[in-house]
Amino acid sequence: MNNEPNLKKKTHIIKTSITNIEPNKIVSRGYSQEELIANISFSEMVYLLLKGELPSPNEARMLNYILVSFCDHGVTPPSTQTSRLIASSGASINTALAGGILSFGKKHAGAIEDSMELFQNTISGRIKSMADESTDENISTSDLLDDETIENIANTIVDNYLTNNEKIPGFGHRFHSKDPRGAKIMELAKEERCIGPHSRLALAIEKILAEKKNIYINVDGANGSVLLDMGFSSSLGLGIFMIGRLPGLLAHINEEITEEEEFRKFCHIEDIVYCGIENESLEE
């Protein structure tokens, strides 16, 4: 019989710094969930889980504004139509919700990530290049990105996109001439002192686009720039959008199940036009 001690170290398959589960005990980011349940809002919990720290009061309010602004946009988006169509087939709520979430893509809900990447890459790139050129080791970000610099960066971005006949992500809307959500978010960001270099750049771009093309910032551009200034990465943009949109999808699914006919069609047979080949023959 081998009496030698087992020197093999125990290996852990998963490591996490988010939540610890023990019998009769749940700790998220160091805080007891019992304490969190009684003392913080849902938006504060989202902030805590994603960033690992509690938000300041103005950051908590700002994230709440953002989540509310994403909640719903009627039956017009593909995700809502997909959820309702799946629900009408008799599928379960989770299946209909999953269908709606899977409908988010580059052309629907992708603009927030695209706009955040534009702002994030532009600002970080400019700060790096200007810091490299400066001889002052104590120079601050605000010194590097004064109003004139931000305006020059915005002009370059707008000129590049318009020259290539491309839309700038985060600006303009297929339905609204001026997205009321975008305007309100920027107004609230100023009140809550959540305006930083990314939001300033977004507002400078909007000013130029409004003068040249009568195009204004939309909900994605506004929320994306503010989220960056609150310290969120562009990689979280779509995820935060989905947190906000989920209640709207659920409401539409419930309405479809409780108030509409089963197996509802979104178009009639007379709306469908066949444009394929006619009269093929296997004998030929």
Protein backbone atom coordinates (compact mmCIF):
# COMPACT_ATOMS: atom_id res chain seq x y z
CA MET A 1 0.00 0.00 0.00
CA ASN A 2 1.33 3.39 -1.01
CA ASN A 3 1.42 5.67 2.05
CA GLU A 4 3.12 8.59 0.31
CA PRO A 5 1.18 11.86 0.67
CA ASN A 6 -0.75 13.08 -2.35
CA LEU A 7 1.26 16.06 -3.50
CA LYS A 8 -1.08 16.89 -6.36
CA LYS A 9 -2.56 20.34 -5.84
CA LYS A 10 -6.29 20.82 -6.12
CA THR A 11 -7.15 22.61 -9.33
CA HIS A 12 -10.17 24.87 -9.72
CA ILE A 13 -12.00 24.82 -13.03
CA ILE A 14 -13.65 28.24 -12.68
CA LYS A 15 -12.37 31.37 -10.95
CA THR A 16 -14.65 34.34 -10.42
CA SER A 17 -14.50 37.62 -8.55
CA ILE A 18 -18.17 38.41 -9.13
CA THR A 19 -20.30 36.33 -6.73
CA ASN A 20 -19.47 33.78 -4.04
CA ILE A 21 -22.07 31.15 -3.14
CA GLU A 22 -21.92 29.28 0.18
CA PRO A 23 -24.65 27.52 2.17
CA ASN A 24 -27.12 30.21 3.31
CA LYS A 25 -24.78 32.95 2.08
CA ILE A 26 -24.51 34.97 -1.17
CA VAL A 27 -21.85 37.64 -1.62
CA SER A 28 -21.62 39.79 -4.77
CA ARG A 29 -18.51 41.93 -5.27
CA GLY A 30 -17.86 41.69 -1.53
CA TYR A 31 -21.35 42.76 -0.43
CA SER A 32 -23.97 40.52 1.17
CA GLN A 33 -26.93 40.20 -1.19
CA GLU A 34 -29.27 40.58 1.78
CA GLU A 35 -27.82 44.03 2.35
CA LEU A 36 -27.88 44.87 -1.37
CA ILE A 37 -31.53 43.82 -1.73
CA ALA A 38 -32.61 46.25 0.97
CA ASN A 39 -30.43 49.20 0.07
CA ILE A 40 -29.66 49.62 -3.65
CA SER A 41 -31.62 49.98 -6.90
CA PHE A 42 -31.54 47.64 -9.89
CA SER A 43 -29.38 50.04 -11.89
CA GLU A 44 -26.90 50.24 -9.00
CA MET A 45 -26.75 46.43 -8.89
CA VAL A 46 -26.06 46.32 -12.64
CA TYR A 47 -23.26 48.86 -12.19
CA LEU A 48 -21.80 46.90 -9.25
CA LEU A 49 -21.79 43.59 -11.12
CA LEU A 50 -20.30 45.03 -14.31
CA LYS A 51 -17.70 47.36 -12.77
CA GLY A 52 -16.98 45.77 -9.42
CA GLU A 53 -17.80 48.87 -7.40
CA LEU A 54 -20.84 50.82 -6.33
CA PRO A 55 -21.68 53.91 -8.40
CA SER A 56 -21.84 57.42 -7.06
CA PRO A 57 -25.41 58.78 -6.71
CA ASN A 58 -25.21 60.68 -10.02
CA GLU A 59 -23.74 57.65 -11.83
CA ALA A 60 -26.55 55.48 -10.47
CA ARG A 61 -29.17 57.93 -11.70
CA MET A 62 -27.45 58.22 -15.09
CA LEU A 63 -27.35 54.47 -15.64
CA ASN A 64 -31.01 54.28 -14.68
CA TYR A 65 -31.86 56.95 -17.30
CA ILE A 66 -29.92 54.95 -19.89
CA LEU A 67 -31.66 51.65 -19.12
CA VAL A 68 -35.09 53.31 -19.23
CA SER A 69 -34.29 54.96 -22.57
CA PHE A 70 -33.58 51.54 -24.09
CA CYS A 71 -36.73 49.83 -22.77
CA ASP A 72 -38.93 49.83 -25.88
CA HIS A 73 -39.43 51.28 -29.35
CA GLY A 74 -42.79 49.82 -30.27
CA VAL A 75 -43.40 47.01 -32.74
CA THR A 76 -41.13 48.56 -35.36
CA PRO A 77 -37.81 46.80 -34.51
CA PRO A 78 -37.08 43.32 -35.95
CA SER A 79 -36.42 41.95 -32.45
CA THR A 80 -39.92 42.87 -31.25
CA GLN A 81 -41.58 41.49 -34.37
CA THR A 82 -39.55 38.29 -34.06
CA SER A 83 -40.53 37.85 -30.41
CA ARG A 84 -44.20 38.39 -31.16
CA LEU A 85 -44.20 36.07 -34.15
CA ILE A 86 -42.56 33.30 -32.13
CA ALA A 87 -45.00 33.88 -29.27
CA SER A 88 -47.96 33.58 -31.65
CA SER A 89 -46.84 30.06 -32.53
CA GLY A 90 -47.44 28.86 -28.98
CA ALA A 91 -43.74 28.77 -28.07
CA SER A 92 -42.68 29.38 -24.47
CA ILE A 93 -41.85 32.85 -23.16
CA ASN A 94 -38.15 32.05 -22.87
CA THR A 95 -38.10 30.87 -26.49
CA ALA A 96 -39.79 34.06 -27.70
CA LEU A 97 -37.42 36.19 -25.61
CA ALA A 98 -34.42 34.30 -26.94
CA GLY A 99 -35.65 34.83 -30.49
CA GLY A 100 -35.89 38.56 -29.95
CA ILE A 101 -32.44 38.77 -28.39
CA LEU A 102 -30.94 36.71 -31.21
CA SER A 103 -32.40 39.26 -33.66
CA PHE A 104 -29.98 41.93 -32.46
CA GLY A 105 -27.22 42.38 -35.00
CA LYS A 106 -25.13 44.87 -36.91
CA LYS A 107 -28.19 46.57 -38.42
CA HIS A 108 -30.34 46.46 -35.27
CA ALA A 109 -28.82 47.35 -31.88
CA GLY A 110 -25.30 47.26 -33.30
CA ALA A 111 -25.04 51.05 -33.49
CA ILE A 112 -24.29 51.52 -29.81
CA GLU A 113 -21.18 49.35 -29.98
CA ASP A 114 -20.11 50.96 -33.28
CA SER A 115 -20.53 54.48 -31.91
CA MET A 116 -18.70 53.58 -28.68
CA GLU A 117 -15.80 52.12 -30.66
CA LEU A 118 -15.63 55.29 -32.77
CA PHE A 119 -15.56 57.59 -29.72
CA GLN A 120 -13.31 55.31 -27.68
CA ASN A 121 -10.70 54.72 -30.39
CA THR A 122 -10.67 58.37 -31.45
CA ILE A 123 -10.24 59.80 -27.95
CA SER A 124 -7.69 57.24 -26.73
CA GLY A 125 -5.71 57.54 -29.96
CA ARG A 126 -5.63 61.33 -29.80
CA ILE A 127 -4.64 61.38 -26.11
CA LYS A 128 -1.78 58.97 -26.78
CA SER A 129 -0.43 60.87 -29.78
CA MET A 130 -0.66 64.25 -28.04
CA ALA A 131 0.89 62.89 -24.83
CA ASP A 132 3.78 61.48 -26.85
CA GLU A 133 4.36 64.87 -28.45
CA SER A 134 4.11 66.84 -25.20
CA THR A 135 7.15 67.58 -23.06
CA ASP A 136 5.00 68.30 -20.00
CA GLU A 137 4.77 65.10 -17.90
CA ASN A 138 2.00 66.57 -15.71
CA ILE A 139 -0.34 67.55 -18.56
CA SER A 140 -3.96 66.45 -17.97
CA THR A 141 -6.55 64.96 -20.31
CA SER A 142 -8.58 68.18 -20.16
CA ASP A 143 -5.51 70.13 -21.28
CA LEU A 144 -4.94 67.73 -24.18
CA LEU A 145 -8.60 67.80 -25.21
CA ASP A 146 -9.72 71.40 -24.98
CA ASP A 147 -12.79 72.61 -26.88
CA GLU A 148 -10.82 73.61 -29.96
CA THR A 149 -9.12 70.19 -30.18
CA ILE A 150 -12.43 68.36 -29.75
CA GLU A 151 -13.99 70.51 -32.48
CA ASN A 152 -11.11 69.79 -34.86
CA ILE A 153 -11.40 66.04 -34.21
CA ALA A 154 -15.16 66.20 -34.81
CA ASN A 155 -14.68 68.07 -38.10
CA THR A 156 -12.20 65.44 -39.30
CA ILE A 157 -14.60 62.60 -38.44
CA VAL A 158 -17.56 64.23 -40.16
CA ASP A 159 -15.52 65.11 -43.27
CA ASN A 160 -14.19 61.54 -43.56
CA TYR A 161 -17.61 59.92 -43.26
CA LEU A 162 -19.39 62.37 -45.57
CA THR A 163 -16.63 62.13 -48.17
CA ASN A 164 -17.08 58.35 -48.21
CA ASN A 165 -20.88 58.72 -48.19
CA GLU A 166 -21.10 56.73 -44.94
CA LYS A 167 -23.37 57.18 -41.94
CA ILE A 168 -21.71 58.05 -38.66
CA PRO A 169 -22.83 55.48 -36.06
CA GLY A 170 -24.88 57.02 -33.28
CA PHE A 171 -26.38 59.82 -35.38
CA GLY A 172 -29.63 60.05 -37.33
CA HIS A 173 -32.64 57.75 -37.07
CA ARG A 174 -34.73 55.87 -39.62
CA PHE A 175 -37.98 57.08 -38.00
CA HIS A 176 -37.22 60.24 -35.98
CA SER A 177 -35.83 63.41 -37.50
CA LYS A 178 -34.50 64.12 -33.99
CA ASP A 179 -34.45 61.18 -31.59
CA PRO A 180 -36.08 62.52 -28.39
CA ARG A 181 -34.23 59.94 -26.28
CA GLY A 182 -30.80 61.07 -27.45
CA ALA A 183 -31.53 64.72 -26.72
CA LYS A 184 -32.89 63.93 -23.24
CA ILE A 185 -29.95 61.68 -22.31
CA MET A 186 -27.44 64.40 -23.19
CA GLU A 187 -29.45 66.95 -21.22
CA LEU A 188 -29.48 64.66 -18.18
CA ALA A 189 -25.78 63.81 -18.55
CA LYS A 190 -24.99 67.51 -18.25
CA GLU A 191 -27.18 67.81 -15.15
CA GLU A 192 -25.56 64.75 -13.54
CA ARG A 193 -22.02 65.90 -14.48
CA CYS A 194 -21.42 62.72 -16.48
CA ILE A 195 -20.08 64.62 -19.50
CA GLY A 196 -16.49 63.74 -20.39
CA PRO A 197 -14.32 63.70 -23.53
CA HIS A 198 -16.42 61.08 -25.32
CA SER A 199 -19.70 62.95 -24.74
CA ARG A 200 -18.07 66.24 -25.69
CA LEU A 201 -16.90 64.67 -28.94
CA ALA A 202 -20.39 63.29 -29.60
CA LEU A 203 -21.95 66.71 -29.04
CA ALA A 204 -19.36 68.39 -31.28
CA ILE A 205 -20.12 65.89 -34.07
CA GLU A 206 -23.85 66.50 -33.61
CA LYS A 207 -23.38 70.26 -33.89
CA ILE A 208 -21.56 69.91 -37.23
CA LEU A 209 -24.00 67.32 -38.60
CA ALA A 210 -26.99 69.43 -37.58
CA GLU A 211 -25.62 72.43 -39.46
CA LYS A 212 -24.61 70.46 -42.55
CA LYS A 213 -27.24 67.72 -42.83
CA ASN A 214 -29.92 68.42 -40.20
CA ILE A 215 -28.90 65.15 -38.49
CA TYR A 216 -28.89 64.77 -34.71
CA ILE A 217 -27.54 62.34 -32.13
CA ASN A 218 -29.69 59.27 -31.47
CA VAL A 219 -30.18 57.11 -28.37
CA ASP A 220 -27.20 54.89 -29.23
CA GLY A 221 -24.75 57.74 -29.76
CA ALA A 222 -25.87 59.56 -26.63
CA ASN A 223 -25.90 56.52 -24.36
CA GLY A 224 -22.71 55.14 -25.87
CA SER A 225 -20.71 58.31 -25.26
CA VAL A 226 -22.00 58.71 -21.70
CA LEU A 227 -21.34 55.06 -20.84
CA LEU A 228 -17.73 55.52 -21.99
CA ASP A 229 -17.36 58.58 -19.78
CA MET A 230 -18.73 56.49 -16.90
CA GLY A 231 -15.93 53.99 -17.45
CA PHE A 232 -17.75 51.25 -19.39
CA SER A 233 -15.99 49.61 -22.33
CA SER A 234 -17.47 49.47 -25.84
CA SER A 235 -17.55 45.66 -25.50
CA LEU A 236 -20.37 46.06 -22.95
CA GLY A 237 -22.50 48.38 -25.10
CA LEU A 238 -24.79 45.78 -26.68
CA GLY A 239 -25.12 43.92 -23.39
CA ILE A 240 -26.29 47.04 -21.55
CA PHE A 241 -28.73 47.73 -24.39
CA MET A 242 -30.16 44.22 -23.96
CA ILE A 243 -30.59 44.70 -20.20
CA GLY A 244 -32.69 47.76 -20.97
CA ARG A 245 -34.69 46.26 -23.86
CA LEU A 246 -35.66 42.98 -22.14
CA PRO A 247 -38.74 44.39 -20.30
CA GLY A 248 -40.11 45.78 -23.57
CA LEU A 249 -39.72 42.45 -25.34
CA LEU A 250 -41.43 40.67 -22.45
CA ALA A 251 -44.34 43.13 -22.54
CA HIS A 252 -44.84 42.58 -26.27
CA ILE A 253 -44.67 38.79 -25.88
CA ASN A 254 -47.26 38.89 -23.11
CA GLU A 255 -49.54 41.13 -25.18
CA GLU A 256 -49.21 38.79 -28.16
CA ILE A 257 -50.09 35.74 -26.05
CA THR A 258 -53.00 37.31 -24.18
CA GLU A 259 -54.60 39.61 -26.76
CA GLU A 260 -53.86 38.32 -30.28
CA GLU A 261 -54.92 35.28 -32.28
CA GLU A 262 -52.74 32.19 -32.24
CA PHE A 263 -50.45 31.53 -35.20
CA ARG A 264 -50.85 35.14 -36.34
CA LYS A 265 -49.32 36.02 -39.67
CA PHE A 266 -47.54 39.34 -40.19
CA CYS A 267 -48.40 39.27 -43.91
CA HIS A 268 -51.11 37.76 -46.11
CA ILE A 269 -50.68 35.43 -49.07
CA GLU A 270 -51.58 38.27 -51.46
CA ASP A 271 -48.66 40.28 -50.07
CA ILE A 272 -46.19 37.65 -51.29
CA VAL A 273 -44.85 37.88 -54.84
CA TYR A 274 -43.09 34.86 -56.36
CA CYS A 275 -40.28 35.92 -58.69
CA GLY A 276 -38.60 32.55 -59.37
CA ILE A 277 -38.54 30.28 -62.43
CA GLU A 278 -41.87 28.97 -63.78
CA ASN A 279 -42.83 25.80 -65.66
CA GLU A 280 -39.68 23.71 -65.25
CA SER A 281 -40.09 20.05 -66.26
CA LEU A 282 -38.31 16.95 -64.96
CA GLU A 283 -38.65 15.37 -68.43
CA GLU A 284 -36.33 17.99 -69.85
